[in-house]
Amino acid sequence: MSYIVENSVIEQIEVMKSKFVAYLIPLKKEEDFKPLLANLRKEHKKARHIVYAYRVGMKSKSCDDGEPKGTAGHPLLELLYKKDLTDVALLVVRYFGGTKLGAGRLLRTYLQAGINAVDSASIIQK
């Protein structure tokens, strides 16, 4: 059984002056992802990283966008699988606050931002 999100959600958390803005966005086709990412990059020009994960049908992808390997995109993708969400993109924009968080704290923070977005979304069975 799989689920989809009905509408886009934006959630934000702050950890040690770094701001994490999570976007959970319905995604019908894989081709729609690149323009979506490009728009977020334009909107958040001063952001240090935009990490993401998406699932569309049987296809999925994640990206750490320069964060330490496995600390950002992959945990978000695992969250989508764990929640059985499909046809969705989960992106987290990070504004660096001047303090390095370390790999463990970084992973937990990206994951928490994603969880907050998923928890506040309207989710329906596909």
PDB file of N, CA and C in Angstrom:
ATOM      1  N   MET A   1       0.851  -1.181   0.000  1.00  0.00           N
ATOM      2  CA  MET A   1       0.000   0.000   0.000  1.00  0.00           C
ATOM      3  C   MET A   1       0.896   1.242   0.000  1.00  0.00           C
ATOM      4  N   SER A   2       0.542   2.225  -0.811  1.00  0.00           N
ATOM      5  CA  SER A   2       1.337   3.456  -0.823  1.00  0.00           C
ATOM      6  C   SER A   2       0.429   4.666  -0.628  1.00  0.00           C
ATOM      7  N   TYR A   3       1.067   5.762  -0.287  1.00  0.00           N
ATOM      8  CA  TYR A   3       0.351   6.988   0.042  1.00  0.00           C
ATOM      9  C   TYR A   3       0.937   8.156  -0.739  1.00  0.00           C
ATOM     10  N   ILE A   4       0.118   9.185  -0.922  1.00  0.00           N
ATOM     11  CA  ILE A   4       0.565  10.413  -1.586  1.00  0.00           C
ATOM     12  C   ILE A   4       0.188  11.607  -0.698  1.00  0.00           C
ATOM     13  N   VAL A   5       0.852  12.720  -0.941  1.00  0.00           N
ATOM     14  CA  VAL A   5       0.492  13.943  -0.217  1.00  0.00           C
ATOM     15  C   VAL A   5      -0.466  14.748  -1.084  1.00  0.00           C
ATOM     16  N   GLU A   6      -1.461  15.345  -0.449  1.00  0.00           N
ATOM     17  CA  GLU A   6      -2.480  16.098  -1.188  1.00  0.00           C
ATOM     18  C   GLU A   6      -1.995  17.486  -1.605  1.00  0.00           C
ATOM     19  N   ASN A   7      -1.158  18.095  -0.776  1.00  0.00           N
ATOM     20  CA  ASN A   7      -0.725  19.462  -1.059  1.00  0.00           C
ATOM     21  C   ASN A   7       0.688  19.680  -0.523  1.00  0.00           C
ATOM     22  N   SER A   8       1.304  20.738  -0.958  1.00  0.00           N
ATOM     23  CA  SER A   8       2.670  21.057  -0.525  1.00  0.00           C
ATOM     24  C   SER A   8       2.682  21.517   0.929  1.00  0.00           C
ATOM     25  N   VAL A   9       3.788  21.210   1.595  1.00  0.00           N
ATOM     26  CA  VAL A   9       3.966  21.578   3.003  1.00  0.00           C
ATOM     27  C   VAL A   9       5.351  22.199   3.158  1.00  0.00           C
ATOM     28  N   ILE A  10       5.445  23.224   3.993  1.00  0.00           N
ATOM     29  CA  ILE A  10       6.730  23.829   4.328  1.00  0.00           C
ATOM     30  C   ILE A  10       6.841  23.861   5.848  1.00  0.00           C
ATOM     31  N   GLU A  11       7.938  23.334   6.361  1.00  0.00           N
ATOM     32  CA  GLU A  11       8.215  23.348   7.796  1.00  0.00           C
ATOM     33  C   GLU A  11       9.632  23.850   8.004  1.00  0.00           C
ATOM     34  N   GLN A  12       9.877  24.497   9.133  1.00  0.00           N
ATOM     35  CA  GLN A  12      11.203  25.051   9.398  1.00  0.00           C
ATOM     36  C   GLN A  12      11.636  24.756  10.826  1.00  0.00           C
ATOM     37  N   ILE A  13      12.920  24.421  10.978  1.00  0.00           N
ATOM     38  CA  ILE A  13      13.504  24.280  12.308  1.00  0.00           C
ATOM     39  C   ILE A  13      14.858  24.994  12.316  1.00  0.00           C
ATOM     40  N   GLU A  14      15.296  25.343  13.513  1.00  0.00           N
ATOM     41  CA  GLU A  14      16.601  25.990  13.657  1.00  0.00           C
ATOM     42  C   GLU A  14      17.401  25.226  14.708  1.00  0.00           C
ATOM     43  N   VAL A  15      18.661  24.923  14.371  1.00  0.00           N
ATOM     44  CA  VAL A  15      19.556  24.223  15.281  1.00  0.00           C
ATOM     45  C   VAL A  15      20.903  24.937  15.247  1.00  0.00           C
ATOM     46  N   MET A  16      21.345  25.417  16.386  1.00  0.00           N
ATOM     47  CA  MET A  16      22.621  26.116  16.512  1.00  0.00           C
ATOM     48  C   MET A  16      22.807  27.177  15.424  1.00  0.00           C
ATOM     49  N   LYS A  17      21.778  27.998  15.245  1.00  0.00           N
ATOM     50  CA  LYS A  17      21.739  29.120  14.313  1.00  0.00           C
ATOM     51  C   LYS A  17      21.674  28.724  12.835  1.00  0.00           C
ATOM     52  N   SER A  18      21.715  27.432  12.520  1.00  0.00           N
ATOM     53  CA  SER A  18      21.479  26.985  11.148  1.00  0.00           C
ATOM     54  C   SER A  18      19.974  26.798  10.982  1.00  0.00           C
ATOM     55  N   LYS A  19      19.466  27.271   9.841  1.00  0.00           N
ATOM     56  CA  LYS A  19      18.033  27.174   9.570  1.00  0.00           C
ATOM     57  C   LYS A  19      17.813  26.088   8.516  1.00  0.00           C
ATOM     58  N   PHE A  20      16.857  25.206   8.777  1.00  0.00           N
ATOM     59  CA  PHE A  20      16.510  24.115   7.875  1.00  0.00           C
ATOM     60  C   PHE A  20      15.051  24.288   7.465  1.00  0.00           C
ATOM     61  N   VAL A  21      14.804  24.460   6.174  1.00  0.00           N
ATOM     62  CA  VAL A  21      13.456  24.649   5.659  1.00  0.00           C
ATOM     63  C   VAL A  21      13.105  23.427   4.808  1.00  0.00           C
ATOM     64  N   ALA A  22      12.123  22.658   5.261  1.00  0.00           N
ATOM     65  CA  ALA A  22      11.732  21.425   4.572  1.00  0.00           C
ATOM     66  C   ALA A  22      10.505  21.671   3.698  1.00  0.00           C
ATOM     67  N   TYR A  23      10.571  21.166   2.480  1.00  0.00           N
ATOM     68  CA  TYR A  23       9.474  21.244   1.523  1.00  0.00           C
ATOM     69  C   TYR A  23       9.058  19.824   1.154  1.00  0.00           C
ATOM     70  N   LEU A  24       7.799  19.510   1.334  1.00  0.00           N
ATOM     71  CA  LEU A  24       7.235  18.234   0.897  1.00  0.00           C
ATOM     72  C   LEU A  24       6.243  18.581  -0.204  1.00  0.00           C
ATOM     73  N   ILE A  25       6.525  18.124  -1.422  1.00  0.00           N
ATOM     74  CA  ILE A  25       5.777  18.591  -2.593  1.00  0.00           C
ATOM     75  C   ILE A  25       5.315  17.398  -3.436  1.00  0.00           C
ATOM     76  N   PRO A  26       4.026  17.347  -3.785  1.00  0.00           N
ATOM     77  CA  PRO A  26       3.565  16.287  -4.687  1.00  0.00           C
ATOM     78  C   PRO A  26       4.330  16.359  -6.011  1.00  0.00           C
ATOM     79  N   LEU A  27       4.655  15.204  -6.564  1.00  0.00           N
ATOM     80  CA  LEU A  27       5.452  15.140  -7.799  1.00  0.00           C
ATOM     81  C   LEU A  27       4.863  14.055  -8.693  1.00  0.00           C
ATOM     82  N   LYS A  28       4.246  14.472  -9.791  1.00  0.00           N
ATOM     83  CA  LYS A  28       3.576  13.523 -10.686  1.00  0.00           C
ATOM     84  C   LYS A  28       4.546  12.809 -11.618  1.00  0.00           C
ATOM     85  N   LYS A  29       5.528  13.570 -12.142  1.00  0.00           N
ATOM     86  CA  LYS A  29       6.482  13.010 -13.107  1.00  0.00           C
ATOM     87  C   LYS A  29       7.898  13.372 -12.681  1.00  0.00           C
ATOM     88  N   GLU A  30       8.834  12.458 -12.941  1.00  0.00           N
ATOM     89  CA  GLU A  30      10.232  12.700 -12.593  1.00  0.00           C
ATOM     90  C   GLU A  30      10.770  13.951 -13.292  1.00  0.00           C
ATOM     91  N   GLU A  31      10.317  14.202 -14.518  1.00  0.00           N
ATOM     92  CA  GLU A  31      10.782  15.376 -15.279  1.00  0.00           C
ATOM     93  C   GLU A  31      10.416  16.695 -14.602  1.00  0.00           C
ATOM     94  N   ASP A  32       9.417  16.684 -13.733  1.00  0.00           N
ATOM     95  CA  ASP A  32       9.001  17.905 -13.044  1.00  0.00           C
ATOM     96  C   ASP A  32       9.947  18.293 -11.910  1.00  0.00           C
ATOM     97  N   PHE A  33      10.851  17.377 -11.539  1.00  0.00           N
ATOM     98  CA  PHE A  33      11.702  17.656 -10.381  1.00  0.00           C
ATOM     99  C   PHE A  33      12.749  18.730 -10.653  1.00  0.00           C
ATOM    100  N   LYS A  34      13.443  18.657 -11.791  1.00  0.00           N
ATOM    101  CA  LYS A  34      14.521  19.622 -12.066  1.00  0.00           C
ATOM    102  C   LYS A  34      14.036  21.070 -12.031  1.00  0.00           C
ATOM    103  N   PRO A  35      12.904  21.406 -12.681  1.00  0.00           N
ATOM    104  CA  PRO A  35      12.413  22.792 -12.563  1.00  0.00           C
ATOM    105  C   PRO A  35      12.051  23.170 -11.130  1.00  0.00           C
ATOM    106  N   LEU A  36      11.520  22.226 -10.383  1.00  0.00           N
ATOM    107  CA  LEU A  36      11.183  22.469  -8.984  1.00  0.00           C
ATOM    108  C   LEU A  36      12.436  22.826  -8.184  1.00  0.00           C
ATOM    109  N   LEU A  37      13.496  22.044  -8.368  1.00  0.00           N
ATOM    110  CA  LEU A  37      14.760  22.305  -7.686  1.00  0.00           C
ATOM    111  C   LEU A  37      15.348  23.649  -8.129  1.00  0.00           C
ATOM    112  N   ALA A  38      15.296  23.928  -9.424  1.00  0.00           N
ATOM    113  CA  ALA A  38      15.812  25.206  -9.943  1.00  0.00           C
ATOM    114  C   ALA A  38      15.074  26.392  -9.327  1.00  0.00           C
ATOM    115  N   ASN A  39      13.770  26.275  -9.169  1.00  0.00           N
ATOM    116  CA  ASN A  39      12.976  27.355  -8.553  1.00  0.00           C
ATOM    117  C   ASN A  39      13.371  27.563  -7.094  1.00  0.00           C
ATOM    118  N   LEU A  40      13.596  26.471  -6.370  1.00  0.00           N
ATOM    119  CA  LEU A  40      14.016  26.608  -4.971  1.00  0.00           C
ATOM    120  C   LEU A  40      15.402  27.240  -4.879  1.00  0.00           C
ATOM    121  N   ARG A  41      16.290  26.888  -5.798  1.00  0.00           N
ATOM    122  CA  ARG A  41      17.629  27.486  -5.797  1.00  0.00           C
ATOM    123  C   ARG A  41      17.548  28.999  -6.051  1.00  0.00           C
ATOM    124  N   LYS A  42      16.641  29.422  -6.924  1.00  0.00           N
ATOM    125  CA  LYS A  42      16.443  30.858  -7.175  1.00  0.00           C
ATOM    126  C   LYS A  42      15.868  31.543  -5.937  1.00  0.00           C
ATOM    127  N   GLU A  43      14.903  30.892  -5.313  1.00  0.00           N
ATOM    128  CA  GLU A  43      14.233  31.452  -4.144  1.00  0.00           C
ATOM    129  C   GLU A  43      15.174  31.543  -2.937  1.00  0.00           C
ATOM    130  N   HIS A  44      16.096  30.603  -2.831  1.00  0.00           N
ATOM    131  CA  HIS A  44      16.996  30.530  -1.672  1.00  0.00           C
ATOM    132  C   HIS A  44      18.449  30.694  -2.118  1.00  0.00           C
ATOM    133  N   LYS A  45      18.744  31.806  -2.750  1.00  0.00           N
ATOM    134  CA  LYS A  45      20.091  32.041  -3.306  1.00  0.00           C
ATOM    135  C   LYS A  45      21.191  32.008  -2.253  1.00  0.00           C
ATOM    136  N   LYS A  46      20.882  32.395  -1.027  1.00  0.00           N
ATOM    137  CA  LYS A  46      21.914  32.454   0.013  1.00  0.00           C
ATOM    138  C   LYS A  46      22.039  31.163   0.816  1.00  0.00           C
ATOM    139  N   ALA A  47      21.253  30.161   0.462  1.00  0.00           N
ATOM    140  CA  ALA A  47      21.319  28.883   1.177  1.00  0.00           C
ATOM    141  C   ALA A  47      22.612  28.159   0.833  1.00  0.00           C
ATOM    142  N   ARG A  48      23.162  27.455   1.804  1.00  0.00           N
ATOM    143  CA  ARG A  48      24.404  26.713   1.608  1.00  0.00           C
ATOM    144  C   ARG A  48      24.143  25.392   0.883  1.00  0.00           C
ATOM    145  N   HIS A  49      23.051  24.707   1.253  1.00  0.00           N
ATOM    146  CA  HIS A  49      22.745  23.393   0.682  1.00  0.00           C
ATOM    147  C   HIS A  49      21.243  23.254   0.442  1.00  0.00           C
ATOM    148  N   ILE A  50      20.887  22.519  -0.610  1.00  0.00           N
ATOM    149  CA  ILE A  50      19.511  22.066  -0.810  1.00  0.00           C
ATOM    150  C   ILE A  50      19.595  20.572  -1.066  1.00  0.00           C
ATOM    151  N   VAL A  51      19.316  19.805  -0.036  1.00  0.00           N
ATOM    152  CA  VAL A  51      19.371  18.347  -0.157  1.00  0.00           C
ATOM    153  C   VAL A  51      17.973  17.853  -0.495  1.00  0.00           C
ATOM    154  N   TYR A  52      17.904  16.665  -1.107  1.00  0.00           N
ATOM    155  CA  TYR A  52      16.582  16.202  -1.502  1.00  0.00           C
ATOM    156  C   TYR A  52      16.508  14.689  -1.631  1.00  0.00           C
ATOM    157  N   ALA A  53      15.261  14.242  -1.680  1.00  0.00           N
ATOM    158  CA  ALA A  53      14.921  12.861  -2.004  1.00  0.00           C
ATOM    159  C   ALA A  53      13.568  12.909  -2.687  1.00  0.00           C
ATOM    160  N   TYR A  54      13.387  12.037  -3.662  1.00  0.00           N
ATOM    161  CA  TYR A  54      12.058  11.923  -4.261  1.00  0.00           C
ATOM    162  C   TYR A  54      11.773  10.498  -4.675  1.00  0.00           C
ATOM    163  N   ARG A  55      10.474  10.208  -4.759  1.00  0.00           N
ATOM    164  CA  ARG A  55       9.976   8.922  -5.255  1.00  0.00           C
ATOM    165  C   ARG A  55       8.849   9.209  -6.222  1.00  0.00           C
ATOM    166  N   VAL A  56       8.971   8.676  -7.426  1.00  0.00           N
ATOM    167  CA  VAL A  56       7.917   8.796  -8.435  1.00  0.00           C
ATOM    168  C   VAL A  56       7.747   7.416  -9.056  1.00  0.00           C
ATOM    169  N   GLY A  57       6.609   6.799  -8.811  1.00  0.00           N
ATOM    170  CA  GLY A  57       6.401   5.439  -9.301  1.00  0.00           C
ATOM    171  C   GLY A  57       7.471   4.524  -8.734  1.00  0.00           C
ATOM    172  N   MET A  58       8.204   3.841  -9.612  1.00  0.00           N
ATOM    173  CA  MET A  58       9.260   2.918  -9.178  1.00  0.00           C
ATOM    174  C   MET A  58      10.633   3.603  -9.106  1.00  0.00           C
ATOM    175  N   LYS A  59      10.711   4.877  -9.460  1.00  0.00           N
ATOM    176  CA  LYS A  59      11.988   5.592  -9.476  1.00  0.00           C
ATOM    177  C   LYS A  59      12.166   6.393  -8.191  1.00  0.00           C
ATOM    178  N   SER A  60      13.426   6.469  -7.757  1.00  0.00           N
ATOM    179  CA  SER A  60      13.731   7.278  -6.577  1.00  0.00           C
ATOM    180  C   SER A  60      15.155   7.818  -6.706  1.00  0.00           C
ATOM    181  N   LYS A  61      15.411   8.917  -6.014  1.00  0.00           N
ATOM    182  CA  LYS A  61      16.740   9.527  -6.057  1.00  0.00           C
ATOM    183  C   LYS A  61      16.928  10.379  -4.813  1.00  0.00           C
ATOM    184  N   SER A  62      18.191  10.506  -4.389  1.00  0.00           N
ATOM    185  CA  SER A  62      18.499  11.402  -3.276  1.00  0.00           C
ATOM    186  C   SER A  62      19.830  12.090  -3.564  1.00  0.00           C
ATOM    187  N   CYS A  63      20.053  13.225  -2.902  1.00  0.00           N
ATOM    188  CA  CYS A  63      21.285  13.989  -3.091  1.00  0.00           C
ATOM    189  C   CYS A  63      21.631  14.707  -1.791  1.00  0.00           C
ATOM    190  N   ASP A  64      22.915  14.612  -1.396  1.00  0.00           N
ATOM    191  CA  ASP A  64      23.397  15.294  -0.189  1.00  0.00           C
ATOM    192  C   ASP A  64      23.832  16.736  -0.455  1.00  0.00           C
ATOM    193  N   ASP A  65      23.971  17.122  -1.710  1.00  0.00           N
ATOM    194  CA  ASP A  65      24.343  18.486  -2.113  1.00  0.00           C
ATOM    195  C   ASP A  65      25.525  19.040  -1.321  1.00  0.00           C
ATOM    196  N   GLY A  66      26.593  18.260  -1.228  1.00  0.00           N
ATOM    197  CA  GLY A  66      27.812  18.747  -0.579  1.00  0.00           C
ATOM    198  C   GLY A  66      27.901  18.491   0.911  1.00  0.00           C
ATOM    199  N   GLU A  67      26.829  18.027   1.523  1.00  0.00           N
ATOM    200  CA  GLU A  67      26.892  17.646   2.929  1.00  0.00           C
ATOM    201  C   GLU A  67      27.667  16.323   3.016  1.00  0.00           C
ATOM    202  N   PRO A  68      28.184  15.965   4.200  1.00  0.00           N
ATOM    203  CA  PRO A  68      28.886  14.688   4.322  1.00  0.00           C
ATOM    204  C   PRO A  68      28.009  13.524   3.830  1.00  0.00           C
ATOM    205  N   LYS A  69      28.632  12.610   3.106  1.00  0.00           N
ATOM    206  CA  LYS A  69      27.917  11.496   2.464  1.00  0.00           C
ATOM    207  C   LYS A  69      27.022  10.744   3.450  1.00  0.00           C
ATOM    208  N   GLY A  70      25.766  10.583   3.041  1.00  0.00           N
ATOM    209  CA  GLY A  70      24.818   9.808   3.829  1.00  0.00           C
ATOM    210  C   GLY A  70      24.162  10.544   4.983  1.00  0.00           C
ATOM    211  N   THR A  71      24.433  11.843   5.135  1.00  0.00           N
ATOM    212  CA  THR A  71      23.871  12.572   6.280  1.00  0.00           C
ATOM    213  C   THR A  71      22.594  13.337   5.950  1.00  0.00           C
ATOM    214  N   ALA A  72      22.217  13.379   4.681  1.00  0.00           N
ATOM    215  CA  ALA A  72      21.106  14.265   4.336  1.00  0.00           C
ATOM    216  C   ALA A  72      20.101  13.625   3.374  1.00  0.00           C
ATOM    217  N   GLY A  73      20.468  13.472   2.124  1.00  0.00           N
ATOM    218  CA  GLY A  73      19.537  12.974   1.118  1.00  0.00           C
ATOM    219  C   GLY A  73      19.073  11.554   1.362  1.00  0.00           C
ATOM    220  N   HIS A  74      20.007  10.652   1.665  1.00  0.00           N
ATOM    221  CA  HIS A  74      19.636   9.251   1.859  1.00  0.00           C
ATOM    222  C   HIS A  74      18.688   9.045   3.048  1.00  0.00           C
ATOM    223  N   PRO A  75      18.937   9.678   4.194  1.00  0.00           N
ATOM    224  CA  PRO A  75      17.967   9.533   5.291  1.00  0.00           C
ATOM    225  C   PRO A  75      16.572  10.054   4.921  1.00  0.00           C
ATOM    226  N   LEU A  76      16.518  11.109   4.099  1.00  0.00           N
ATOM    227  CA  LEU A  76      15.210  11.617   3.666  1.00  0.00           C
ATOM    228  C   LEU A  76      14.513  10.602   2.763  1.00  0.00           C
ATOM    229  N   LEU A  77      15.286   9.963   1.883  1.00  0.00           N
ATOM    230  CA  LEU A  77      14.713   8.933   1.010  1.00  0.00           C
ATOM    231  C   LEU A  77      14.215   7.751   1.838  1.00  0.00           C
ATOM    232  N   GLU A  78      14.989   7.358   2.834  1.00  0.00           N
ATOM    233  CA  GLU A  78      14.561   6.264   3.712  1.00  0.00           C
ATOM    234  C   GLU A  78      13.257   6.621   4.434  1.00  0.00           C
ATOM    235  N   LEU A  79      13.101   7.889   4.801  1.00  0.00           N
ATOM    236  CA  LEU A  79      11.864   8.343   5.440  1.00  0.00           C
ATOM    237  C   LEU A  79      10.683   8.162   4.489  1.00  0.00           C
ATOM    238  N   LEU A  80      10.855   8.527   3.218  1.00  0.00           N
ATOM    239  CA  LEU A  80       9.777   8.358   2.237  1.00  0.00           C
ATOM    240  C   LEU A  80       9.397   6.885   2.096  1.00  0.00           C
ATOM    241  N   TYR A  81      10.396   6.012   2.079  1.00  0.00           N
ATOM    242  CA  TYR A  81      10.119   4.573   1.997  1.00  0.00           C
ATOM    243  C   TYR A  81       9.425   4.068   3.259  1.00  0.00           C
ATOM    244  N   LYS A  82       9.905   4.507   4.406  1.00  0.00           N
ATOM    245  CA  LYS A  82       9.331   4.057   5.683  1.00  0.00           C
ATOM    246  C   LYS A  82       7.859   4.447   5.800  1.00  0.00           C
ATOM    247  N   LYS A  83       7.523   5.638   5.302  1.00  0.00           N
ATOM    248  CA  LYS A  83       6.142   6.133   5.366  1.00  0.00           C
ATOM    249  C   LYS A  83       5.314   5.688   4.158  1.00  0.00           C
ATOM    250  N   ASP A  84       5.918   4.912   3.238  1.00  0.00           N
ATOM    251  CA  ASP A  84       5.254   4.439   2.015  1.00  0.00           C
ATOM    252  C   ASP A  84       4.719   5.591   1.170  1.00  0.00           C
ATOM    253  N   LEU A  85       5.459   6.698   1.153  1.00  0.00           N
ATOM    254  CA  LEU A  85       5.056   7.852   0.344  1.00  0.00           C
ATOM    255  C   LEU A  85       5.646   7.730  -1.056  1.00  0.00           C
ATOM    256  N   THR A  86       4.824   8.008  -2.049  1.00  0.00           N
ATOM    257  CA  THR A  86       5.286   8.005  -3.431  1.00  0.00           C
ATOM    258  C   THR A  86       4.740   9.237  -4.144  1.00  0.00           C
ATOM    259  N   ASP A  87       5.258   9.483  -5.336  1.00  0.00           N
ATOM    260  CA  ASP A  87       4.875  10.662  -6.125  1.00  0.00           C
ATOM    261  C   ASP A  87       5.054  11.936  -5.296  1.00  0.00           C
ATOM    262  N   VAL A  88       6.243  12.027  -4.699  1.00  0.00           N
ATOM    263  CA  VAL A  88       6.514  13.133  -3.781  1.00  0.00           C
ATOM    264  C   VAL A  88       8.002  13.493  -3.798  1.00  0.00           C
ATOM    265  N   ALA A  89       8.282  14.753  -3.556  1.00  0.00           N
ATOM    266  CA  ALA A  89       9.657  15.232  -3.380  1.00  0.00           C
ATOM    267  C   ALA A  89       9.768  15.829  -1.983  1.00  0.00           C
ATOM    268  N   LEU A  90      10.883  15.539  -1.324  1.00  0.00           N
ATOM    269  CA  LEU A  90      11.181  16.095  -0.005  1.00  0.00           C
ATOM    270  C   LEU A  90      12.522  16.801  -0.119  1.00  0.00           C
ATOM    271  N   LEU A  91      12.506  18.110   0.017  1.00  0.00           N
ATOM    272  CA  LEU A  91      13.720  18.912  -0.102  1.00  0.00           C
ATOM    273  C   LEU A  91      13.922  19.688   1.187  1.00  0.00           C
ATOM    274  N   VAL A  92      15.180  19.807   1.613  1.00  0.00           N
ATOM    275  CA  VAL A  92      15.479  20.593   2.810  1.00  0.00           C
ATOM    276  C   VAL A  92      16.571  21.595   2.453  1.00  0.00           C
ATOM    277  N   VAL A  93      16.239  22.861   2.635  1.00  0.00           N
ATOM    278  CA  VAL A  93      17.149  23.971   2.372  1.00  0.00           C
ATOM    279  C   VAL A  93      17.859  24.299   3.672  1.00  0.00           C
ATOM    280  N   ARG A  94      19.199  24.403   3.617  1.00  0.00           N
ATOM    281  CA  ARG A  94      19.945  24.731   4.832  1.00  0.00           C
ATOM    282  C   ARG A  94      20.673  26.056   4.679  1.00  0.00           C
ATOM    283  N   TYR A  95      20.429  26.929   5.652  1.00  0.00           N
ATOM    284  CA  TYR A  95      21.184  28.168   5.784  1.00  0.00           C
ATOM    285  C   TYR A  95      22.173  27.952   6.928  1.00  0.00           C
ATOM    286  N   PHE A  96      23.450  27.981   6.622  1.00  0.00           N
ATOM    287  CA  PHE A  96      24.491  27.709   7.610  1.00  0.00           C
ATOM    288  C   PHE A  96      24.547  28.830   8.634  1.00  0.00           C
ATOM    289  N   GLY A  97      24.553  28.458   9.910  1.00  0.00           N
ATOM    290  CA  GLY A  97      24.524  29.444  10.985  1.00  0.00           C
ATOM    291  C   GLY A  97      25.875  29.751  11.595  1.00  0.00           C
ATOM    292  N   GLY A  98      26.957  29.178  11.035  1.00  0.00           N
ATOM    293  CA  GLY A  98      28.287  29.491  11.533  1.00  0.00           C
ATOM    294  C   GLY A  98      28.898  28.438  12.431  1.00  0.00           C
ATOM    295  N   THR A  99      28.103  27.453  12.862  1.00  0.00           N
ATOM    296  CA  THR A  99      28.618  26.389  13.727  1.00  0.00           C
ATOM    297  C   THR A  99      28.447  25.047  13.027  1.00  0.00           C
ATOM    298  N   LYS A 100      29.541  24.302  12.909  1.00  0.00           N
ATOM    299  CA  LYS A 100      29.442  22.967  12.313  1.00  0.00           C
ATOM    300  C   LYS A 100      28.700  22.058  13.280  1.00  0.00           C
ATOM    301  N   LEU A 101      27.771  21.270  12.743  1.00  0.00           N
ATOM    302  CA  LEU A 101      26.944  20.425  13.584  1.00  0.00           C
ATOM    303  C   LEU A 101      27.520  19.027  13.784  1.00  0.00           C
ATOM    304  N   GLY A 102      28.420  18.608  12.921  1.00  0.00           N
ATOM    305  CA  GLY A 102      28.926  17.240  12.984  1.00  0.00           C
ATOM    306  C   GLY A 102      27.968  16.312  12.257  1.00  0.00           C
ATOM    307  N   ALA A 103      28.476  15.198  11.764  1.00  0.00           N
ATOM    308  CA  ALA A 103      27.685  14.304  10.915  1.00  0.00           C
ATOM    309  C   ALA A 103      26.432  13.777  11.607  1.00  0.00           C
ATOM    310  N   GLY A 104      26.566  13.345  12.854  1.00  0.00           N
ATOM    311  CA  GLY A 104      25.417  12.781  13.560  1.00  0.00           C
ATOM    312  C   GLY A 104      24.311  13.794  13.783  1.00  0.00           C
ATOM    313  N   ARG A 105      24.681  14.964  14.264  1.00  0.00           N
ATOM    314  CA  ARG A 105      23.695  16.027  14.517  1.00  0.00           C
ATOM    315  C   ARG A 105      23.070  16.499  13.217  1.00  0.00           C
ATOM    316  N   LEU A 106      23.896  16.571  12.158  1.00  0.00           N
ATOM    317  CA  LEU A 106      23.406  16.978  10.843  1.00  0.00           C
ATOM    318  C   LEU A 106      22.351  15.991  10.346  1.00  0.00           C
ATOM    319  N   LEU A 107      22.659  14.715  10.430  1.00  0.00           N
ATOM    320  CA  LEU A 107      21.724  13.671   9.988  1.00  0.00           C
ATOM    321  C   LEU A 107      20.412  13.775  10.762  1.00  0.00           C
ATOM    322  N   ARG A 108      20.487  13.878  12.077  1.00  0.00           N
ATOM    323  CA  ARG A 108      19.277  13.960  12.898  1.00  0.00           C
ATOM    324  C   ARG A 108      18.459  15.206  12.570  1.00  0.00           C
ATOM    325  N   THR A 109      19.133  16.315  12.298  1.00  0.00           N
ATOM    326  CA  THR A 109      18.419  17.557  12.021  1.00  0.00           C
ATOM    327  C   THR A 109      17.727  17.511  10.668  1.00  0.00           C
ATOM    328  N   TYR A 110      18.423  17.048   9.634  1.00  0.00           N
ATOM    329  CA  TYR A 110      17.769  16.904   8.328  1.00  0.00           C
ATOM    330  C   TYR A 110      16.573  15.966   8.434  1.00  0.00           C
ATOM    331  N   LEU A 111      16.762  14.858   9.125  1.00  0.00           N
ATOM    332  CA  LEU A 111      15.685  13.886   9.271  1.00  0.00           C
ATOM    333  C   LEU A 111      14.512  14.486  10.041  1.00  0.00           C
ATOM    334  N   GLN A 112      14.791  15.237  11.105  1.00  0.00           N
ATOM    335  CA  GLN A 112      13.710  15.854  11.880  1.00  0.00           C
ATOM    336  C   GLN A 112      12.943  16.871  11.036  1.00  0.00           C
ATOM    337  N   ALA A 113      13.642  17.635  10.217  1.00  0.00           N
ATOM    338  CA  ALA A 113      12.969  18.595   9.331  1.00  0.00           C
ATOM    339  C   ALA A 113      12.028  17.847   8.384  1.00  0.00           C
ATOM    340  N   GLY A 114      12.507  16.734   7.837  1.00  0.00           N
ATOM    341  CA  GLY A 114      11.670  15.930   6.950  1.00  0.00           C
ATOM    342  C   GLY A 114      10.473  15.332   7.674  1.00  0.00           C
ATOM    343  N   ILE A 115      10.699  14.807   8.865  1.00  0.00           N
ATOM    344  CA  ILE A 115       9.611  14.221   9.658  1.00  0.00           C
ATOM    345  C   ILE A 115       8.553  15.279   9.961  1.00  0.00           C
ATOM    346  N   ASN A 116       8.981  16.478  10.325  1.00  0.00           N
ATOM    347  CA  ASN A 116       8.030  17.556  10.612  1.00  0.00           C
ATOM    348  C   ASN A 116       7.154  17.851   9.405  1.00  0.00           C
ATOM    349  N   ALA A 117       7.755  17.872   8.211  1.00  0.00           N
ATOM    350  CA  ALA A 117       6.987  18.141   6.990  1.00  0.00           C
ATOM    351  C   ALA A 117       5.995  17.008   6.726  1.00  0.00           C
ATOM    352  N   VAL A 118       6.452  15.777   6.844  1.00  0.00           N
ATOM    353  CA  VAL A 118       5.571  14.628   6.612  1.00  0.00           C
ATOM    354  C   VAL A 118       4.428  14.616   7.623  1.00  0.00           C
ATOM    355  N   ASP A 119       4.746  14.882   8.886  1.00  0.00           N
ATOM    356  CA  ASP A 119       3.732  14.858   9.936  1.00  0.00           C
ATOM    357  C   ASP A 119       2.677  15.937   9.757  1.00  0.00           C
ATOM    358  N   SER A 120       3.026  17.046   9.137  1.00  0.00           N
ATOM    359  CA  SER A 120       2.029  18.120   8.973  1.00  0.00           C
ATOM    360  C   SER A 120       1.312  18.041   7.620  1.00  0.00           C
ATOM    361  N   ALA A 121       1.658  17.056   6.792  1.00  0.00           N
ATOM    362  CA  ALA A 121       1.032  16.924   5.470  1.00  0.00           C
ATOM    363  C   ALA A 121      -0.306  16.191   5.552  1.00  0.00           C
ATOM    364  N   SER A 122      -1.143  16.485   4.592  1.00  0.00           N
ATOM    365  CA  SER A 122      -2.379  15.741   4.408  1.00  0.00           C
ATOM    366  C   SER A 122      -2.050  14.557   3.492  1.00  0.00           C
ATOM    367  N   ILE A 123      -2.086  13.370   4.060  1.00  0.00           N
ATOM    368  CA  ILE A 123      -1.661  12.157   3.334  1.00  0.00           C
ATOM    369  C   ILE A 123      -2.870  11.278   3.079  1.00  0.00           C
ATOM    370  N   ILE A 124      -2.976  10.797   1.822  1.00  0.00           N
ATOM    371  CA  ILE A 124      -4.093   9.924   1.463  1.00  0.00           C
ATOM    372  C   ILE A 124      -3.558   8.669   0.790  1.00  0.00           C
ATOM    373  N   GLN A 125      -4.349   7.624   0.841  1.00  0.00           N
ATOM    374  CA  GLN A 125      -3.969   6.370   0.179  1.00  0.00           C
ATOM    375  C   GLN A 125      -4.046   6.555  -1.327  1.00  0.00           C
ATOM    376  N   LYS A 126      -3.063   6.007  -2.025  1.00  0.00           N
ATOM    377  CA  LYS A 126      -3.010   6.145  -3.481  1.00  0.00           C
ATOM    378  C   LYS A 126      -4.019   5.240  -4.127  1.00  0.00           C
TER     379      LYS A 126
END
